[in-house]
Amino acid sequence: MPGSTSGETVYGLFQCRGDLNNGDCGRCVAKAVSQLGTLCLLSTGGALQLEGCFVKYDNTTFLGVEDKTVVVKKCGPLMSSSDTLARRDAVLGYLGASDGTYKPFRVGGSGDLQGVAQCVGDLSPSECQDCLSEAIGRLKTDCGAAKWGDMYLAKCYVRYSEGGDHSHAGNGKRFPHLLVGGSPVLYFSLFGLGLI
């Protein structure tokens, strides 16, 4: 929203998970905007990641700017077999592979192990690929042989789970730990206080 001075300009972005329909996306974004209004009442910027969508605003531009800062990392308990670890690595390899086409939302699986990855839509194809590679590398390193893991960087995320065993499991969908709407458990930041 342009203002008369740079301090009055607000930059905003929202993005829904790539497999949500328009109705679920709209409900998720409305919920996130409402929660940001409460959580970031006197802030000049804020970001909220719900299970199905991401909303961010700030008075300095962040659009088109690559940012691989770790925002949230969550890891589950250890896997029970090396076979599961090999399947996890195969799924993460698939999510991180580039066939030369731009795919900002990616889903893959092997047996009962499933994964999902997505970039924020303001990244170029090469920046998206770079961000996902970073997230996958950090997820493997930081979560080791965990049964599930989430790695949210500022501009992309990668998640995987074995058999729906996850911190948010249980809604019975194709990727059970990814809920529509959900609670703001993944990421919330304040970017400074604005004065009225």
Protein backbone atom coordinates (compact mmCIF):
# COMPACT_ATOMS: atom_id res chain seq x y z
CA MET A 1 0.00 0.00 0.00
CA PRO A 2 1.90 3.12 -1.12
CA GLY A 3 1.96 6.12 1.20
CA SER A 4 3.28 9.65 0.87
CA THR A 5 6.54 8.76 2.65
CA SER A 6 8.56 5.56 2.83
CA GLY A 7 7.56 5.09 6.49
CA GLU A 8 3.90 4.97 5.43
CA THR A 9 4.38 2.22 2.83
CA VAL A 10 3.37 -1.26 3.88
CA TYR A 11 4.49 -4.33 1.93
CA GLY A 12 2.46 -7.49 2.29
CA LEU A 13 2.38 -11.04 1.06
CA PHE A 14 0.19 -14.04 1.61
CA GLN A 15 0.57 -17.54 0.28
CA CYS A 16 -1.36 -20.74 0.79
CA ARG A 17 -0.08 -24.28 0.72
CA GLY A 18 -0.10 -25.42 -2.89
CA ASP A 19 -2.74 -28.13 -2.43
CA LEU A 20 -5.42 -25.96 -0.78
CA ASN A 21 -8.54 -24.98 -2.69
CA ASN A 22 -9.53 -21.30 -2.92
CA GLY A 23 -12.11 -21.50 -0.11
CA ASP A 24 -9.71 -23.12 2.39
CA CYS A 25 -6.99 -20.68 1.33
CA GLY A 26 -9.25 -17.67 1.87
CA ARG A 27 -10.34 -18.90 5.32
CA CYS A 28 -6.75 -19.53 6.35
CA VAL A 29 -5.55 -16.10 5.19
CA ALA A 30 -8.49 -14.38 6.93
CA LYS A 31 -7.64 -16.20 10.16
CA ALA A 32 -3.95 -15.29 9.87
CA VAL A 33 -4.69 -11.61 9.15
CA SER A 34 -7.07 -11.50 12.12
CA GLN A 35 -4.48 -13.07 14.42
CA LEU A 36 -1.73 -10.76 13.14
CA GLY A 37 -3.97 -7.79 13.93
CA THR A 38 -4.06 -8.93 17.54
CA LEU A 39 -0.52 -10.26 17.91
CA CYS A 40 1.22 -7.37 16.15
CA LEU A 41 -1.02 -4.54 17.31
CA LEU A 42 1.62 -1.77 17.46
CA SER A 43 4.18 -3.33 15.13
CA THR A 44 5.45 -2.05 11.82
CA GLY A 45 5.74 -5.63 10.61
CA GLY A 46 4.79 -9.18 11.42
CA ALA A 47 4.60 -12.67 9.98
CA LEU A 48 2.43 -15.64 10.83
CA GLN A 49 2.69 -19.18 9.50
CA LEU A 50 -0.40 -21.30 10.02
CA GLU A 51 -0.65 -24.91 8.87
CA GLY A 52 -2.19 -23.89 5.54
CA CYS A 53 -0.95 -20.38 4.82
CA PHE A 54 1.64 -17.71 5.44
CA VAL A 55 1.01 -13.97 5.83
CA LYS A 56 3.68 -11.30 6.22
CA TYR A 57 3.74 -7.50 6.21
CA ASP A 58 6.42 -4.91 6.93
CA ASN A 59 7.19 -1.27 6.29
CA THR A 60 10.46 -2.24 4.56
CA THR A 61 10.42 -4.27 1.39
CA PHE A 62 11.08 -7.99 1.59
CA LEU A 63 9.44 -8.93 -1.70
CA GLY A 64 11.80 -10.75 -4.03
CA VAL A 65 14.55 -10.82 -1.39
CA GLU A 66 16.08 -14.23 -0.73
CA ASP A 67 16.18 -15.08 2.99
CA LYS A 68 17.31 -18.48 4.29
CA THR A 69 17.10 -17.62 7.99
CA VAL A 70 15.86 -20.56 10.07
CA VAL A 71 12.53 -19.52 11.51
CA VAL A 72 11.30 -22.80 13.02
CA LYS A 73 12.87 -26.22 13.34
CA LYS A 74 10.92 -29.12 14.87
CA CYS A 75 12.05 -32.73 15.03
CA GLY A 76 10.26 -35.86 16.22
CA PRO A 77 11.52 -38.97 18.02
CA LEU A 78 14.02 -41.31 16.36
CA MET A 79 13.01 -43.69 13.56
CA SER A 80 12.94 -47.39 14.22
CA SER A 81 14.82 -48.62 11.13
CA SER A 82 17.55 -47.71 8.67
CA ASP A 83 15.11 -48.57 5.84
CA THR A 84 12.89 -45.70 6.96
CA LEU A 85 15.90 -43.37 7.00
CA ALA A 86 16.77 -44.42 3.43
CA ARG A 87 13.17 -43.76 2.33
CA ARG A 88 13.24 -40.37 4.08
CA ASP A 89 16.42 -39.46 2.25
CA ALA A 90 14.85 -40.56 -1.06
CA VAL A 91 11.76 -38.42 -0.43
CA LEU A 92 13.86 -35.40 0.53
CA GLY A 93 16.02 -35.99 -2.53
CA TYR A 94 12.91 -35.98 -4.72
CA LEU A 95 11.63 -32.78 -3.08
CA GLY A 96 14.98 -31.10 -3.65
CA ALA A 97 15.54 -32.27 -7.23
CA SER A 98 15.21 -29.84 -10.11
CA ASP A 99 14.14 -30.98 -13.54
CA GLY A 100 14.53 -27.51 -15.01
CA THR A 101 10.89 -26.49 -14.52
CA TYR A 102 9.74 -24.15 -11.78
CA LYS A 103 7.83 -26.08 -9.10
CA PRO A 104 7.39 -23.96 -5.97
CA PHE A 105 5.11 -26.62 -4.35
CA ARG A 106 6.32 -30.21 -4.22
CA VAL A 107 4.91 -33.38 -2.66
CA GLY A 108 6.56 -36.79 -2.55
CA GLY A 109 6.31 -40.07 -0.71
CA SER A 110 7.65 -43.56 -0.28
CA GLY A 111 5.37 -46.05 1.44
CA ASP A 112 4.06 -44.45 4.62
CA LEU A 113 6.69 -41.69 4.56
CA GLN A 114 5.52 -38.45 2.97
CA GLY A 115 7.08 -35.06 2.41
CA VAL A 116 6.12 -31.61 1.22
CA ALA A 117 8.14 -28.54 0.26
CA GLN A 118 7.17 -25.04 -0.85
CA CYS A 119 8.79 -21.71 -1.63
CA VAL A 120 7.23 -18.30 -1.16
CA GLY A 121 6.08 -17.21 -4.61
CA ASP A 122 8.22 -14.07 -4.81
CA LEU A 123 11.43 -16.08 -5.26
CA SER A 124 12.93 -16.74 -8.66
CA PRO A 125 13.23 -20.40 -9.71
CA SER A 126 16.94 -20.48 -8.83
CA GLU A 127 16.34 -18.78 -5.46
CA CYS A 128 13.56 -21.27 -4.70
CA GLN A 129 15.83 -24.19 -5.54
CA ASP A 130 18.61 -22.70 -3.41
CA CYS A 131 16.25 -22.17 -0.47
CA LEU A 132 14.84 -25.72 -0.65
CA SER A 133 18.35 -27.21 -0.87
CA GLU A 134 19.32 -25.26 2.25
CA ALA A 135 16.18 -26.36 4.12
CA ILE A 136 16.67 -30.01 3.19
CA GLY A 137 20.33 -29.94 4.21
CA ARG A 138 19.49 -28.36 7.56
CA LEU A 139 16.60 -30.77 8.12
CA LYS A 140 18.84 -33.79 7.56
CA THR A 141 21.59 -32.37 9.77
CA ASP A 142 19.46 -30.95 12.57
CA CYS A 143 16.79 -33.68 12.79
CA GLY A 144 19.03 -36.65 11.99
CA ALA A 145 16.98 -39.86 12.03
CA ALA A 146 13.78 -38.31 13.41
CA LYS A 147 10.40 -39.86 12.43
CA TRP A 148 9.18 -36.42 11.37
CA GLY A 149 10.71 -33.03 10.84
CA ASP A 150 9.84 -29.46 9.89
CA MET A 151 12.33 -26.90 8.64
CA TYR A 152 10.85 -23.47 8.00
CA LEU A 153 13.21 -20.91 6.54
CA ALA A 154 12.02 -17.35 5.99
CA LYS A 155 11.18 -18.01 2.31
CA CYS A 156 10.60 -21.79 2.06
CA TYR A 157 9.88 -24.90 4.06
CA VAL A 158 10.34 -28.66 3.93
CA ARG A 159 8.41 -31.16 6.06
CA TYR A 160 8.28 -34.94 6.23
CA SER A 161 6.60 -37.55 8.41
CA GLU A 162 6.47 -41.31 8.74
CA GLY A 163 2.96 -42.77 8.86
CA GLY A 164 1.37 -39.48 9.85
CA ASP A 165 3.37 -39.60 13.11
CA HIS A 166 3.87 -35.93 13.72
CA SER A 167 3.33 -33.17 16.24
CA HIS A 168 0.08 -32.22 14.45
CA ALA A 169 -1.10 -35.67 13.32
CA GLY A 170 -4.63 -36.85 13.08
CA ASN A 171 -6.87 -35.16 10.53
CA GLY A 172 -6.91 -38.12 8.14
CA LYS A 173 -5.90 -36.24 4.98
CA ARG A 174 -3.24 -37.26 2.47
CA PHE A 175 -0.53 -35.56 4.53
CA PRO A 176 -2.08 -35.86 7.99
CA HIS A 177 0.09 -33.38 9.86
CA LEU A 178 -0.71 -30.53 7.48
CA LEU A 179 -3.96 -29.06 8.74
CA VAL A 180 -6.07 -26.40 7.07
CA GLY A 181 -6.11 -23.28 9.20
CA GLY A 182 -4.51 -24.58 12.35
CA SER A 183 -2.88 -22.62 15.10
CA PRO A 184 0.07 -20.24 14.90
CA VAL A 185 2.50 -22.83 16.20
CA LEU A 186 5.09 -22.53 13.48
CA TYR A 187 6.28 -18.99 13.21
CA PHE A 188 5.56 -15.58 14.59
CA SER A 189 7.83 -12.54 14.57
CA LEU A 190 7.60 -8.92 15.55
CA PHE A 191 9.64 -6.47 13.51
CA GLY A 192 9.66 -3.53 15.90
CA LEU A 193 7.07 -1.29 17.41
CA GLY A 194 5.35 1.42 15.47
CA LEU A 195 4.11 4.54 17.12
CA ILE A 196 0.55 5.77 16.63
